[in-house]
Amino acid sequence: MSELAALLTPELPLWEMVLRGSAVYWFLLVVFRFVLRRDVGSLGVADLLFVVLVADAASNGMQGDYKTLGDGFVLLSTLIAWNFGLDWLGYHVKAVSRFLDPPAEVIVKHGRPVHRALRRQMITLEELGAKLREQGVEDIAKVRVARMESDGQLSVSTYADDKQDKPRQPPPRTGSEAVK
């Protein structure tokens, strides 16, 4: 029984492990949010960060780099708490949401690329063309607006979309239908 207790009892002070996990989480979140380019993907930056850190923390705990499983559990719990807390705050507090998720950025407007936005996002015209073709748009001139969303996805609205979205006008009523 004492071997099991030694395996589960954290070797480092709990506060130190929470502090280490928090420091790494926040450092990488800021780097991913403000330094690295957004890339097309289905995971948000915070989600990707969480997956990477959890994988590393779990790996260290399983491989024995920590002296006890308790050390790994404390670090994993810290990362889970930060991820859940930021998701909760992002949902309830608009300022936190704006910090965690960059706003959508217009990269094509009225059929013309917005070069300043493309430079900021580090997207070449060739990459833009490829992403537009993935959306079924062969000619950039047909794009009313294209935005790089906060999750890295490209959303495209074409002039053809505007024509299809207009509601059809009902036919004018004749005299007998108007009375009903």
N, C-alpha and C. Protein backbone atom coordinates (compact mmCIF):
# COMPACT_ATOMS: atom_id res chain seq x y z
N MET A 1 0.83 -1.21 0.00
CA MET A 1 0.00 0.00 0.00
C MET A 1 0.87 1.26 0.00
N SER A 2 2.01 1.22 0.66
CA SER A 2 2.87 2.40 0.71
C SER A 2 3.45 2.72 -0.66
N GLU A 3 3.66 1.69 -1.51
CA GLU A 3 4.16 1.95 -2.86
C GLU A 3 3.11 2.70 -3.68
N LEU A 4 1.84 2.32 -3.50
CA LEU A 4 0.75 3.00 -4.20
C LEU A 4 0.64 4.45 -3.73
N ALA A 5 0.75 4.68 -2.44
CA ALA A 5 0.69 6.04 -1.91
C ALA A 5 1.86 6.87 -2.43
N ALA A 6 3.04 6.29 -2.51
CA ALA A 6 4.21 7.01 -3.03
C ALA A 6 4.04 7.33 -4.51
N LEU A 7 3.36 6.45 -5.24
CA LEU A 7 3.14 6.67 -6.67
C LEU A 7 2.17 7.82 -6.91
N LEU A 8 1.19 7.99 -6.03
CA LEU A 8 0.16 9.00 -6.22
C LEU A 8 0.44 10.32 -5.51
N THR A 9 1.36 10.35 -4.57
CA THR A 9 1.66 11.56 -3.82
C THR A 9 2.59 12.46 -4.62
N PRO A 10 2.17 13.71 -4.88
CA PRO A 10 3.03 14.63 -5.64
C PRO A 10 4.36 14.86 -4.93
N GLU A 11 5.42 14.93 -5.73
CA GLU A 11 6.76 15.16 -5.18
C GLU A 11 7.01 16.66 -5.01
N LEU A 12 6.54 17.45 -5.94
CA LEU A 12 6.71 18.90 -5.88
C LEU A 12 5.54 19.53 -5.13
N PRO A 13 5.74 20.71 -4.56
CA PRO A 13 4.60 21.40 -3.93
C PRO A 13 3.51 21.70 -4.97
N LEU A 14 2.27 21.55 -4.56
CA LEU A 14 1.15 21.77 -5.48
C LEU A 14 1.18 23.17 -6.08
N TRP A 15 1.46 24.18 -5.27
CA TRP A 15 1.46 25.56 -5.76
C TRP A 15 2.49 25.74 -6.87
N GLU A 16 3.64 25.05 -6.76
CA GLU A 16 4.68 25.19 -7.77
C GLU A 16 4.24 24.58 -9.11
N MET A 17 3.57 23.45 -9.03
CA MET A 17 3.10 22.81 -10.25
C MET A 17 1.99 23.62 -10.91
N VAL A 18 1.08 24.19 -10.11
CA VAL A 18 0.03 25.04 -10.66
C VAL A 18 0.64 26.29 -11.29
N LEU A 19 1.63 26.86 -10.61
CA LEU A 19 2.31 28.05 -11.14
C LEU A 19 3.04 27.73 -12.45
N ARG A 20 3.74 26.62 -12.51
CA ARG A 20 4.45 26.23 -13.73
C ARG A 20 3.47 25.99 -14.88
N GLY A 21 2.43 25.25 -14.62
CA GLY A 21 1.43 24.97 -15.66
C GLY A 21 0.76 26.24 -16.14
N SER A 22 0.42 27.14 -15.23
CA SER A 22 -0.21 28.40 -15.60
C SER A 22 0.72 29.27 -16.42
N ALA A 23 1.98 29.35 -16.01
CA ALA A 23 2.94 30.18 -16.74
C ALA A 23 3.14 29.68 -18.17
N VAL A 24 3.27 28.39 -18.35
CA VAL A 24 3.45 27.84 -19.69
C VAL A 24 2.19 28.06 -20.53
N TYR A 25 1.03 27.83 -19.95
CA TYR A 25 -0.23 28.01 -20.68
C TYR A 25 -0.36 29.44 -21.18
N TRP A 26 -0.17 30.41 -20.30
CA TRP A 26 -0.36 31.82 -20.69
C TRP A 26 0.70 32.28 -21.67
N PHE A 27 1.94 31.84 -21.49
CA PHE A 27 2.99 32.22 -22.42
C PHE A 27 2.66 31.73 -23.83
N LEU A 28 2.31 30.46 -23.94
CA LEU A 28 2.01 29.91 -25.26
C LEU A 28 0.72 30.48 -25.85
N LEU A 29 -0.26 30.77 -25.02
CA LEU A 29 -1.50 31.38 -25.52
C LEU A 29 -1.21 32.75 -26.14
N VAL A 30 -0.42 33.55 -25.47
CA VAL A 30 -0.08 34.88 -26.00
C VAL A 30 0.74 34.75 -27.28
N VAL A 31 1.70 33.83 -27.31
CA VAL A 31 2.51 33.64 -28.52
C VAL A 31 1.63 33.21 -29.68
N PHE A 32 0.75 32.21 -29.45
CA PHE A 32 -0.11 31.73 -30.53
C PHE A 32 -1.09 32.81 -30.98
N ARG A 33 -1.59 33.60 -30.06
CA ARG A 33 -2.62 34.60 -30.40
C ARG A 33 -2.03 35.80 -31.13
N PHE A 34 -0.85 36.28 -30.72
CA PHE A 34 -0.36 37.53 -31.25
C PHE A 34 0.84 37.41 -32.19
N VAL A 35 1.56 36.31 -32.13
CA VAL A 35 2.79 36.21 -32.93
C VAL A 35 2.59 35.33 -34.16
N LEU A 36 2.05 34.15 -33.98
CA LEU A 36 1.92 33.21 -35.08
C LEU A 36 0.75 33.57 -35.97
N ARG A 37 0.87 33.20 -37.25
CA ARG A 37 -0.20 33.50 -38.19
C ARG A 37 -1.37 32.55 -37.97
N ARG A 38 -2.54 33.05 -38.29
CA ARG A 38 -3.71 32.19 -38.26
C ARG A 38 -3.60 31.26 -39.45
N ASP A 39 -3.96 30.05 -39.26
CA ASP A 39 -3.91 29.10 -40.35
C ASP A 39 -5.26 28.43 -40.44
N VAL A 40 -5.56 27.93 -41.60
CA VAL A 40 -6.85 27.31 -41.79
C VAL A 40 -6.88 26.00 -41.01
N GLY A 41 -7.88 25.87 -40.19
CA GLY A 41 -8.03 24.67 -39.39
C GLY A 41 -9.36 24.70 -38.67
N SER A 42 -9.71 23.61 -38.04
CA SER A 42 -10.99 23.55 -37.37
C SER A 42 -10.88 23.81 -35.88
N LEU A 43 -9.64 23.87 -35.36
CA LEU A 43 -9.44 24.15 -33.94
C LEU A 43 -9.06 25.60 -33.74
N GLY A 44 -9.57 26.20 -32.68
CA GLY A 44 -9.12 27.53 -32.31
C GLY A 44 -7.74 27.46 -31.69
N VAL A 45 -7.11 28.61 -31.54
CA VAL A 45 -5.77 28.67 -30.98
C VAL A 45 -5.73 28.09 -29.57
N ALA A 46 -6.67 28.48 -28.73
CA ALA A 46 -6.68 27.98 -27.35
C ALA A 46 -6.90 26.48 -27.32
N ASP A 47 -7.73 25.96 -28.23
CA ASP A 47 -7.97 24.52 -28.27
C ASP A 47 -6.72 23.76 -28.68
N LEU A 48 -6.02 24.27 -29.69
CA LEU A 48 -4.79 23.64 -30.14
C LEU A 48 -3.73 23.66 -29.03
N LEU A 49 -3.61 24.81 -28.39
CA LEU A 49 -2.67 24.94 -27.28
C LEU A 49 -2.98 23.93 -26.19
N PHE A 50 -4.24 23.81 -25.85
CA PHE A 50 -4.65 22.89 -24.81
C PHE A 50 -4.29 21.45 -25.17
N VAL A 51 -4.56 21.06 -26.40
CA VAL A 51 -4.26 19.70 -26.84
C VAL A 51 -2.76 19.42 -26.75
N VAL A 52 -1.95 20.38 -27.22
CA VAL A 52 -0.50 20.19 -27.19
C VAL A 52 0.01 20.08 -25.75
N LEU A 53 -0.43 20.98 -24.89
CA LEU A 53 0.05 20.96 -23.50
C LEU A 53 -0.43 19.73 -22.74
N VAL A 54 -1.66 19.34 -22.97
CA VAL A 54 -2.17 18.15 -22.29
C VAL A 54 -1.41 16.92 -22.76
N ALA A 55 -1.15 16.85 -24.05
CA ALA A 55 -0.39 15.71 -24.57
C ALA A 55 1.00 15.66 -23.93
N ASP A 56 1.65 16.81 -23.84
CA ASP A 56 2.99 16.84 -23.24
C ASP A 56 2.94 16.50 -21.75
N ALA A 57 1.97 17.10 -21.06
CA ALA A 57 1.87 16.83 -19.62
C ALA A 57 1.54 15.37 -19.35
N ALA A 58 0.62 14.83 -20.13
CA ALA A 58 0.26 13.42 -19.95
C ALA A 58 1.44 12.52 -20.29
N SER A 59 2.17 12.89 -21.33
CA SER A 59 3.33 12.10 -21.72
C SER A 59 4.37 12.08 -20.61
N ASN A 60 4.65 13.24 -20.03
CA ASN A 60 5.61 13.29 -18.92
C ASN A 60 5.14 12.44 -17.75
N GLY A 61 3.86 12.52 -17.44
CA GLY A 61 3.32 11.74 -16.33
C GLY A 61 3.39 10.25 -16.60
N MET A 62 3.13 9.85 -17.85
CA MET A 62 3.14 8.42 -18.17
C MET A 62 4.55 7.87 -18.31
N GLN A 63 5.48 8.70 -18.78
CA GLN A 63 6.83 8.22 -19.00
C GLN A 63 7.68 8.23 -17.74
N GLY A 64 7.21 8.85 -16.70
CA GLY A 64 7.96 8.85 -15.46
C GLY A 64 8.90 10.03 -15.33
N ASP A 65 8.78 11.04 -16.20
CA ASP A 65 9.60 12.24 -16.03
C ASP A 65 9.23 12.93 -14.72
N TYR A 66 7.97 12.81 -14.35
CA TYR A 66 7.59 13.22 -13.02
C TYR A 66 7.85 12.02 -12.13
N LYS A 67 8.10 12.28 -10.88
CA LYS A 67 8.37 11.17 -9.97
C LYS A 67 7.10 10.44 -9.57
N THR A 68 5.95 11.15 -9.64
CA THR A 68 4.70 10.50 -9.24
C THR A 68 3.60 10.82 -10.24
N LEU A 69 2.60 10.00 -10.25
CA LEU A 69 1.41 10.28 -11.06
C LEU A 69 0.69 11.51 -10.55
N GLY A 70 0.77 11.74 -9.26
CA GLY A 70 0.12 12.92 -8.67
C GLY A 70 0.63 14.20 -9.29
N ASP A 71 1.95 14.27 -9.59
CA ASP A 71 2.50 15.46 -10.25
C ASP A 71 1.82 15.67 -11.60
N GLY A 72 1.69 14.61 -12.38
CA GLY A 72 1.03 14.70 -13.68
C GLY A 72 -0.43 15.09 -13.55
N PHE A 73 -1.13 14.53 -12.55
CA PHE A 73 -2.54 14.86 -12.35
C PHE A 73 -2.74 16.33 -11.99
N VAL A 74 -1.84 16.86 -11.15
CA VAL A 74 -1.96 18.26 -10.77
C VAL A 74 -1.74 19.16 -11.98
N LEU A 75 -0.71 18.87 -12.79
CA LEU A 75 -0.45 19.69 -13.97
C LEU A 75 -1.60 19.59 -14.97
N LEU A 76 -2.09 18.39 -15.22
CA LEU A 76 -3.23 18.23 -16.12
C LEU A 76 -4.46 18.97 -15.60
N SER A 77 -4.70 18.89 -14.32
CA SER A 77 -5.85 19.59 -13.73
C SER A 77 -5.71 21.10 -13.88
N THR A 78 -4.49 21.61 -13.74
CA THR A 78 -4.26 23.04 -13.93
C THR A 78 -4.58 23.46 -15.35
N LEU A 79 -4.10 22.68 -16.33
CA LEU A 79 -4.36 23.01 -17.74
C LEU A 79 -5.85 22.92 -18.06
N ILE A 80 -6.50 21.90 -17.55
CA ILE A 80 -7.95 21.75 -17.78
C ILE A 80 -8.70 22.92 -17.16
N ALA A 81 -8.32 23.33 -15.97
CA ALA A 81 -8.98 24.45 -15.30
C ALA A 81 -8.81 25.74 -16.10
N TRP A 82 -7.60 26.02 -16.60
CA TRP A 82 -7.39 27.22 -17.40
C TRP A 82 -8.21 27.17 -18.68
N ASN A 83 -8.20 26.03 -19.35
CA ASN A 83 -8.94 25.92 -20.61
C ASN A 83 -10.44 26.11 -20.39
N PHE A 84 -10.99 25.44 -19.38
CA PHE A 84 -12.41 25.59 -19.08
C PHE A 84 -12.72 27.01 -18.64
N GLY A 85 -11.88 27.56 -17.76
CA GLY A 85 -12.11 28.93 -17.26
C GLY A 85 -12.10 29.96 -18.37
N LEU A 86 -11.16 29.85 -19.29
CA LEU A 86 -11.11 30.81 -20.40
C LEU A 86 -12.28 30.63 -21.36
N ASP A 87 -12.67 29.38 -21.61
CA ASP A 87 -13.87 29.16 -22.44
C ASP A 87 -15.10 29.78 -21.79
N TRP A 88 -15.25 29.56 -20.48
CA TRP A 88 -16.39 30.10 -19.76
C TRP A 88 -16.37 31.63 -19.79
N LEU A 89 -15.19 32.20 -19.49
CA LEU A 89 -15.09 33.66 -19.50
C LEU A 89 -15.30 34.23 -20.90
N GLY A 90 -14.78 33.56 -21.92
CA GLY A 90 -14.96 34.02 -23.29
C GLY A 90 -16.42 34.02 -23.69
N TYR A 91 -17.18 33.09 -23.17
CA TYR A 91 -18.61 33.03 -23.46
C TYR A 91 -19.38 34.13 -22.73
N HIS A 92 -18.97 34.43 -21.50
CA HIS A 92 -19.72 35.37 -20.67
C HIS A 92 -19.18 36.81 -20.70
N VAL A 93 -17.92 37.00 -21.06
CA VAL A 93 -17.31 38.33 -21.02
C VAL A 93 -16.78 38.67 -22.42
N LYS A 94 -17.38 39.68 -23.03
CA LYS A 94 -17.03 40.03 -24.41
C LYS A 94 -15.56 40.43 -24.55
N ALA A 95 -15.00 41.12 -23.59
CA ALA A 95 -13.59 41.54 -23.68
C ALA A 95 -12.66 40.33 -23.70
N VAL A 96 -12.97 39.32 -22.93
CA VAL A 96 -12.16 38.10 -22.92
C VAL A 96 -12.30 37.38 -24.26
N SER A 97 -13.50 37.35 -24.80
CA SER A 97 -13.73 36.73 -26.10
C SER A 97 -12.92 37.43 -27.18
N ARG A 98 -12.90 38.76 -27.16
CA ARG A 98 -12.11 39.52 -28.16
C ARG A 98 -10.62 39.25 -28.00
N PHE A 99 -10.15 39.06 -26.77
CA PHE A 99 -8.73 38.75 -26.54
C PHE A 99 -8.38 37.37 -27.07
N LEU A 100 -9.23 36.39 -26.80
CA LEU A 100 -8.93 35.01 -27.18
C LEU A 100 -9.13 34.75 -28.67
N ASP A 101 -10.15 35.34 -29.26
CA ASP A 101 -10.47 35.11 -30.67
C ASP A 101 -10.31 36.41 -31.45
N PRO A 102 -9.33 36.47 -32.34
CA PRO A 102 -9.16 37.69 -33.12
C PRO A 102 -10.39 37.91 -33.99
N PRO A 103 -10.72 39.17 -34.28
CA PRO A 103 -11.89 39.43 -35.12
C PRO A 103 -11.64 38.96 -36.55
N ALA A 104 -12.72 38.70 -37.26
CA ALA A 104 -12.61 38.34 -38.67
C ALA A 104 -11.98 39.52 -39.41
N GLU A 105 -11.10 39.22 -40.34
CA GLU A 105 -10.41 40.27 -41.09
C GLU A 105 -10.73 40.13 -42.57
N VAL A 106 -11.16 41.23 -43.17
CA VAL A 106 -11.49 41.24 -44.60
C VAL A 106 -10.20 41.16 -45.39
N ILE A 107 -10.11 40.14 -46.26
CA ILE A 107 -8.91 39.99 -47.09
C ILE A 107 -9.21 40.17 -48.58
N VAL A 108 -10.50 40.16 -48.95
CA VAL A 108 -10.92 40.50 -50.31
C VAL A 108 -12.16 41.35 -50.19
N LYS A 109 -12.18 42.46 -50.90
CA LYS A 109 -13.34 43.35 -50.86
C LYS A 109 -13.63 43.81 -52.28
N HIS A 110 -14.86 43.61 -52.72
CA HIS A 110 -15.32 44.01 -54.06
C HIS A 110 -14.39 43.47 -55.14
N GLY A 111 -14.02 42.20 -55.02
CA GLY A 111 -13.23 41.54 -56.05
C GLY A 111 -11.76 41.87 -56.06
N ARG A 112 -11.29 42.60 -55.06
CA ARG A 112 -9.88 42.98 -55.01
C ARG A 112 -9.27 42.56 -53.67
N PRO A 113 -8.05 42.01 -53.72
CA PRO A 113 -7.40 41.62 -52.46
C PRO A 113 -7.04 42.84 -51.62
N VAL A 114 -7.16 42.71 -50.32
CA VAL A 114 -6.75 43.76 -49.39
C VAL A 114 -5.32 43.40 -48.98
N HIS A 115 -4.35 44.03 -49.66
CA HIS A 115 -2.95 43.64 -49.51
C HIS A 115 -2.43 43.82 -48.09
N ARG A 116 -2.86 44.86 -47.40
CA ARG A 116 -2.42 45.07 -46.01
C ARG A 116 -2.85 43.91 -45.12
N ALA A 117 -4.08 43.47 -45.29
CA ALA A 117 -4.58 42.33 -44.50
C ALA A 117 -3.87 41.04 -44.88
N LEU A 118 -3.60 40.86 -46.16
CA LEU A 118 -2.88 39.66 -46.60
C LEU A 118 -1.48 39.63 -46.00
N ARG A 119 -0.82 40.78 -45.96
CA ARG A 119 0.52 40.84 -45.35
C ARG A 119 0.45 40.52 -43.86
N ARG A 120 -0.55 41.08 -43.18
CA ARG A 120 -0.70 40.82 -41.74
C ARG A 120 -0.93 39.33 -41.47
N GLN A 121 -1.70 38.70 -42.33
CA GLN A 121 -2.01 37.28 -42.16
C GLN A 121 -0.95 36.38 -42.80
N MET A 122 0.01 37.00 -43.51
CA MET A 122 1.07 36.27 -44.21
C MET A 122 0.49 35.27 -45.20
N ILE A 123 -0.45 35.74 -46.01
CA ILE A 123 -1.09 34.92 -47.03
C ILE A 123 -0.68 35.48 -48.39
N THR A 124 -0.12 34.64 -49.23
CA THR A 124 0.27 35.07 -50.57
C THR A 124 -0.97 35.07 -51.47
N LEU A 125 -0.85 35.73 -52.60
CA LEU A 125 -1.95 35.74 -53.57
C LEU A 125 -2.23 34.32 -54.08
N GLU A 126 -1.18 33.51 -54.20
CA GLU A 126 -1.35 32.13 -54.64
C GLU A 126 -2.15 31.33 -53.60
N GLU A 127 -1.82 31.52 -52.31
CA GLU A 127 -2.56 30.83 -51.25
C GLU A 127 -4.01 31.30 -51.23
N LEU A 128 -4.22 32.59 -51.40
CA LEU A 128 -5.58 33.13 -51.43
C LEU A 128 -6.37 32.51 -52.58
N GLY A 129 -5.75 32.45 -53.75
CA GLY A 129 -6.42 31.84 -54.90
C GLY A 129 -6.79 30.40 -54.64
N ALA A 130 -5.89 29.66 -54.00
CA ALA A 130 -6.16 28.25 -53.68
C ALA A 130 -7.33 28.13 -52.71
N LYS A 131 -7.35 28.99 -51.69
CA LYS A 131 -8.44 28.95 -50.71
C LYS A 131 -9.77 29.34 -51.34
N LEU A 132 -9.75 30.30 -52.26
CA LEU A 132 -10.98 30.68 -52.95
C LEU A 132 -11.48 29.52 -53.82
N ARG A 133 -10.56 28.85 -54.51
CA ARG A 133 -10.97 27.70 -55.33
C ARG A 133 -11.57 26.60 -54.47
N GLU A 134 -11.03 26.40 -53.26
CA GLU A 134 -11.62 25.41 -52.34
C GLU A 134 -13.06 25.77 -52.01
N GLN A 135 -13.37 27.05 -52.04
CA GLN A 135 -14.73 27.51 -51.75
C GLN A 135 -15.60 27.54 -53.01
N GLY A 136 -15.02 27.10 -54.13
CA GLY A 136 -15.78 27.04 -55.39
C GLY A 136 -15.76 28.34 -56.17
N VAL A 137 -14.83 29.24 -55.86
CA VAL A 137 -14.74 30.52 -56.55
C VAL A 137 -13.49 30.50 -57.41
N GLU A 138 -13.68 30.58 -58.72
CA GLU A 138 -12.55 30.55 -59.65
C GLU A 138 -11.98 31.93 -59.93
N ASP A 139 -12.83 32.96 -59.86
CA ASP A 139 -12.41 34.31 -60.23
C ASP A 139 -12.58 35.24 -59.03
N ILE A 140 -11.49 35.86 -58.61
CA ILE A 140 -11.54 36.76 -57.44
C ILE A 140 -12.48 37.94 -57.69
N ALA A 141 -12.69 38.31 -58.93
CA ALA A 141 -13.58 39.43 -59.25
C ALA A 141 -15.02 39.14 -58.85
N LYS A 142 -15.37 37.87 -58.69
CA LYS A 142 -16.74 37.50 -58.30
C LYS A 142 -16.96 37.55 -56.79
N VAL A 143 -15.90 37.84 -56.04
CA VAL A 143 -15.98 37.86 -54.57
C VAL A 143 -16.42 39.24 -54.10
N ARG A 144 -17.54 39.28 -53.41
CA ARG A 144 -17.98 40.54 -52.80
C ARG A 144 -17.13 40.83 -51.58
N VAL A 145 -16.99 39.82 -50.69
CA VAL A 145 -16.13 39.96 -49.52
C VAL A 145 -15.67 38.56 -49.08
N ALA A 146 -14.40 38.47 -48.69
CA ALA A 146 -13.85 37.24 -48.11
C ALA A 146 -13.17 37.63 -46.81
N ARG A 147 -13.46 36.86 -45.77
CA ARG A 147 -12.91 37.16 -44.44
C ARG A 147 -12.13 35.97 -43.90
N MET A 148 -11.00 36.28 -43.25
CA MET A 148 -10.28 35.27 -42.48
C MET A 148 -10.92 35.29 -41.09
N GLU A 149 -11.58 34.20 -40.74
CA GLU A 149 -12.29 34.12 -39.47
C GLU A 149 -11.30 33.84 -38.34
N SER A 150 -11.77 33.97 -37.10
CA SER A 150 -10.89 33.80 -35.95
C SER A 150 -10.32 32.40 -35.83
N ASP A 151 -11.02 31.40 -36.39
CA ASP A 151 -10.52 30.03 -36.33
C ASP A 151 -9.64 29.67 -37.52
N GLY A 152 -9.36 30.66 -38.38
CA GLY A 152 -8.50 30.41 -39.54
C GLY A 152 -9.24 30.01 -40.79
N GLN A 153 -10.54 29.82 -40.70
CA GLN A 153 -11.33 29.46 -41.88
C GLN A 153 -11.58 30.70 -42.73
N LEU A 154 -11.69 30.50 -44.02
CA LEU A 154 -11.99 31.59 -44.94
C LEU A 154 -13.47 31.53 -45.27
N SER A 155 -14.18 32.64 -45.02
CA SER A 155 -15.59 32.71 -45.41
C SER A 155 -15.70 33.65 -46.59
N VAL A 156 -16.47 33.23 -47.59
CA VAL A 156 -16.54 33.95 -48.85
C VAL A 156 -17.98 34.24 -49.20
N SER A 157 -18.24 35.47 -49.59
CA SER A 157 -19.54 35.87 -50.10
C SER A 157 -19.32 36.42 -51.50
N THR A 158 -20.03 35.86 -52.47
CA THR A 158 -19.87 36.31 -53.85
C THR A 158 -21.07 37.15 -54.27
N TYR A 159 -20.91 37.83 -55.39
CA TYR A 159 -22.02 38.61 -55.92
C TYR A 159 -23.17 37.70 -56.32
N ALA A 160 -22.87 36.48 -56.75
CA ALA A 160 -23.92 35.51 -57.10
C ALA A 160 -24.74 35.15 -55.86
N ASP A 161 -24.10 35.08 -54.69
CA ASP A 161 -24.82 34.79 -53.45
C ASP A 161 -25.87 35.85 -53.17
N ASP A 162 -25.53 37.12 -53.43
CA ASP A 162 -26.46 38.21 -53.18
C ASP A 162 -27.72 38.06 -54.03
N LYS A 163 -27.56 37.64 -55.29
CA LYS A 163 -28.72 37.49 -56.18
C LYS A 163 -29.58 36.32 -55.73
N GLN A 164 -28.97 35.25 -55.25
CA GLN A 164 -29.73 34.07 -54.83
C GLN A 164 -30.44 34.30 -53.51
N ASP A 165 -29.89 35.16 -52.66
CA ASP A 165 -30.46 35.37 -51.33
C ASP A 165 -31.66 36.31 -51.32
N LYS A 166 -31.85 37.06 -52.41
CA LYS A 166 -32.97 38.01 -52.42
C LYS A 166 -34.29 37.24 -52.40
N PRO A 167 -35.18 37.64 -51.49
CA PRO A 167 -36.48 36.95 -51.45
C PRO A 167 -37.27 37.26 -52.71
N ARG A 168 -37.98 36.26 -53.17
CA ARG A 168 -38.81 36.47 -54.35
C ARG A 168 -40.03 37.29 -53.96
N GLN A 169 -40.38 38.19 -54.83
CA GLN A 169 -41.58 38.99 -54.61
C GLN A 169 -42.79 38.16 -55.02
N PRO A 170 -43.81 38.13 -54.19
CA PRO A 170 -45.01 37.38 -54.58
C PRO A 170 -45.66 38.08 -55.78
N PRO A 171 -46.33 37.31 -56.62
CA PRO A 171 -47.00 37.94 -57.76
C PRO A 171 -48.08 38.90 -57.27
N PRO A 172 -48.34 39.93 -58.04
CA PRO A 172 -49.39 40.89 -57.59
C PRO A 172 -50.73 40.19 -57.49
N ARG A 173 -51.52 40.62 -56.55
CA ARG A 173 -52.83 39.99 -56.33
C ARG A 173 -53.82 40.56 -57.34
N THR A 174 -54.69 39.65 -57.75
CA THR A 174 -55.77 40.09 -58.64
C THR A 174 -56.92 40.56 -57.78
N GLY A 175 -57.92 41.07 -58.39
CA GLY A 175 -59.06 41.64 -57.66
C GLY A 175 -59.71 40.66 -56.71
N SER A 176 -59.96 39.40 -57.13
CA SER A 176 -60.69 38.45 -56.29
C SER A 176 -59.80 37.96 -55.14
N GLU A 177 -58.44 37.84 -55.36
CA GLU A 177 -57.56 37.41 -54.30
C GLU A 177 -57.33 38.49 -53.26
N ALA A 178 -57.38 39.74 -53.71
CA ALA A 178 -57.14 40.85 -52.80
C ALA A 178 -58.23 40.99 -51.77
N VAL A 179 -59.47 40.58 -52.12
CA VAL A 179 -60.59 40.71 -51.20
C VAL A 179 -60.49 39.68 -50.08
N LYS A 180 -59.98 38.52 -50.38
CA LYS A 180 -59.93 37.43 -49.39
C LYS A 180 -59.07 37.83 -48.29
